[in-house]
C-alpha atoms as a PDB file:
ATOM      1  CA  UNK A   1      -0.002  -0.002   0.001  1.00  0.00           C
ATOM      2  CA  UNK A   2       2.759   2.432   0.922  1.00  0.00           C
ATOM      3  CA  UNK A   3       4.656   1.717  -2.323  1.00  0.00           C
ATOM      4  CA  UNK A   4       1.555   2.472  -4.384  1.00  0.00           C
ATOM      5  CA  UNK A   5       1.124   5.814  -2.612  1.00  0.00           C
ATOM      6  CA  UNK A   6       4.751   6.678  -3.295  1.00  0.00           C
ATOM      7  CA  UNK A   7       4.347   5.747  -6.968  1.00  0.00           C
ATOM      8  CA  UNK A   8       1.238   7.938  -7.259  1.00  0.00           C
ATOM      9  CA  UNK A   9       3.037  10.846  -5.601  1.00  0.00           C
ATOM     10  CA  UNK A  10       5.971  10.524  -8.005  1.00  0.00           C
ATOM     11  CA  UNK A  11       3.602  10.375 -10.973  1.00  0.00           C
ATOM     12  CA  UNK A  12       1.742  13.466  -9.773  1.00  0.00           C
ATOM     13  CA  UNK A  13       5.036  15.332  -9.341  1.00  0.00           C
ATOM     14  CA  UNK A  14       6.202  14.327 -12.819  1.00  0.00           C
ATOM     15  CA  UNK A  15       2.940  15.471 -14.401  1.00  0.00           C
ATOM     16  CA  UNK A  16       3.061  18.772 -12.533  1.00  0.00           C
ATOM     17  CA  UNK A  17       6.587  19.350 -13.806  1.00  0.00           C
ATOM     18  CA  UNK A  18       5.499  18.747 -17.400  1.00  0.00           C
ATOM     19  CA  UNK A  19       2.530  21.092 -17.108  1.00  0.00           C
ATOM     20  CA  UNK A  20       4.602  23.938 -15.704  1.00  0.00           C
ATOM     21  CA  UNK A  21       7.451  23.412 -18.201  1.00  0.00           C
ATOM     22  CA  UNK A  22       5.230  23.616 -21.303  1.00  0.00           C
ATOM     23  CA  UNK A  23       4.769  27.419 -21.254  1.00  0.00           C
ATOM     24  CA  UNK A  24       8.506  27.930 -20.776  1.00  0.00           C
ATOM     25  CA  UNK A  25       9.243  25.749 -23.797  1.00  0.00           C
ATOM     26  CA  UNK A  26       6.747  27.715 -25.867  1.00  0.00           C
ATOM     27  CA  UNK A  27       8.423  30.969 -24.811  1.00  0.00           C
ATOM     28  CA  UNK A  28      11.865  29.592 -25.694  1.00  0.00           C
ATOM     29  CA  UNK A  29      10.623  28.397 -29.074  1.00  0.00           C
ATOM     30  CA  UNK A  30       9.128  31.799 -29.850  1.00  0.00           C
ATOM     31  CA  UNK A  31      12.331  33.549 -28.775  1.00  0.00           C
ATOM     32  CA  UNK A  32      14.343  31.132 -30.919  1.00  0.00           C
ATOM     33  CA  UNK A  33      12.192  31.864 -33.969  1.00  0.00           C
ATOM     34  CA  UNK A  34      12.462  35.615 -33.333  1.00  0.00           C
ATOM     35  CA  UNK A  35      16.222  35.284 -33.000  1.00  0.00           C
ATOM     36  CA  UNK A  36      16.532  33.380 -36.277  1.00  0.00           C
ATOM     37  CA  UNK A  37      14.485  36.093 -38.017  1.00  0.00           C
ATOM     38  CA  UNK A  38      16.793  38.751 -36.523  1.00  0.00           C
ATOM     39  CA  UNK A  39      19.911  36.946 -37.757  1.00  0.00           C
ATOM     40  CA  UNK A  40      18.441  36.624 -41.268  1.00  0.00           C
ATOM     41  CA  UNK A  41      17.572  40.326 -41.278  1.00  0.00           C
ATOM     42  CA  UNK A  42      21.111  41.227 -40.201  1.00  0.00           C
ATOM     43  CA  UNK A  43      22.605  38.998 -42.884  1.00  0.00           C
ATOM     44  CA  UNK A  44      20.521  40.840 -45.485  1.00  0.00           C
ATOM     45  CA  UNK A  45      22.140  44.133 -44.464  1.00  0.00           C
ATOM     46  CA  UNK A  46      25.654  45.168 -45.417  1.00  0.00           C
ATOM     47  CA  UNK A  47      27.957  44.197 -42.558  1.00  0.00           C
ATOM     48  CA  UNK A  48      31.705  44.045 -41.971  1.00  0.00           C
ATOM     49  CA  UNK A  49      33.275  40.935 -43.500  1.00  0.00           C
ATOM     50  CA  UNK A  50      34.452  39.760 -40.093  1.00  0.00           C
ATOM     51  CA  UNK A  51      30.867  39.629 -38.832  1.00  0.00           C
ATOM     52  CA  UNK A  52      29.260  37.749 -41.744  1.00  0.00           C
ATOM     53  CA  UNK A  53      30.830  34.312 -41.028  1.00  0.00           C
ATOM     54  CA  UNK A  54      29.905  34.521 -37.358  1.00  0.00           C
ATOM     55  CA  UNK A  55      26.301  35.394 -38.232  1.00  0.00           C
ATOM     56  CA  UNK A  56      26.105  32.572 -40.785  1.00  0.00           C
ATOM     57  CA  UNK A  57      27.423  30.075 -38.261  1.00  0.00           C
ATOM     58  CA  UNK A  58      25.019  31.316 -35.591  1.00  0.00           C
ATOM     59  CA  UNK A  59      22.112  31.004 -38.046  1.00  0.00           C
ATOM     60  CA  UNK A  60      23.146  27.472 -39.050  1.00  0.00           C
ATOM     61  CA  UNK A  61      23.419  26.362 -35.416  1.00  0.00           C
ATOM     62  CA  UNK A  62      20.168  28.093 -34.369  1.00  0.00           C
ATOM     63  CA  UNK A  63      18.207  26.487 -37.193  1.00  0.00           C
ATOM     64  CA  UNK A  64      19.668  23.060 -36.433  1.00  0.00           C
ATOM     65  CA  UNK A  65      18.853  23.350 -32.736  1.00  0.00           C
ATOM     66  CA  UNK A  66      15.322  24.554 -33.559  1.00  0.00           C
ATOM     67  CA  UNK A  67      14.838  21.456 -35.682  1.00  0.00           C
ATOM     68  CA  UNK A  68      16.065  19.266 -32.837  1.00  0.00           C
ATOM     69  CA  UNK A  69      13.800  21.015 -30.325  1.00  0.00           C
ATOM     70  CA  UNK A  70      16.784  22.223 -28.314  1.00  0.00           C
ATOM     71  CA  UNK A  71      15.487  25.750 -27.812  1.00  0.00           C
ATOM     72  CA  UNK A  72      17.966  26.678 -25.083  1.00  0.00           C
ATOM     73  CA  UNK A  73      20.860  25.854 -27.412  1.00  0.00           C
ATOM     74  CA  UNK A  74      19.127  27.816 -30.188  1.00  0.00           C
ATOM     75  CA  UNK A  75      19.005  30.804 -27.858  1.00  0.00           C
ATOM     76  CA  UNK A  76      22.732  30.366 -27.160  1.00  0.00           C
ATOM     77  CA  UNK A  77      23.379  30.643 -30.894  1.00  0.00           C
ATOM     78  CA  UNK A  78      21.170  33.738 -31.119  1.00  0.00           C
ATOM     79  CA  UNK A  79      23.177  35.233 -28.243  1.00  0.00           C
ATOM     80  CA  UNK A  80      26.389  34.514 -30.188  1.00  0.00           C
ATOM     81  CA  UNK A  81      24.949  36.438 -33.138  1.00  0.00           C
ATOM     82  CA  UNK A  82      23.988  39.379 -30.937  1.00  0.00           C
ATOM     83  CA  UNK A  83      27.486  39.486 -29.451  1.00  0.00           C
ATOM     84  CA  UNK A  84      28.977  39.422 -32.962  1.00  0.00           C
ATOM     85  CA  UNK A  85      26.926  42.495 -33.839  1.00  0.00           C
ATOM     86  CA  UNK A  86      28.055  44.543 -30.855  1.00  0.00           C
ATOM     87  CA  UNK A  87      30.791  47.057 -31.659  1.00  0.00           C
END
């Protein structure tokens, strides 16, 4: 009886974690998509030659991570692009 109660408590905790994590994942996905759009817009503008390869790499990584559902790593790539744009 006690083991069944423990199992139910663990299941309830796991479900609660999933429910609260879903909005955060949606926010990260939206931020990732916005970041990819920003990188594409910056690549369309004239930029110093030293910046272009860094932006292209960041875009490649961000799009790959988006496809894999790794939104936190996508946001890391977007951050790399933003740092490349800072003077």
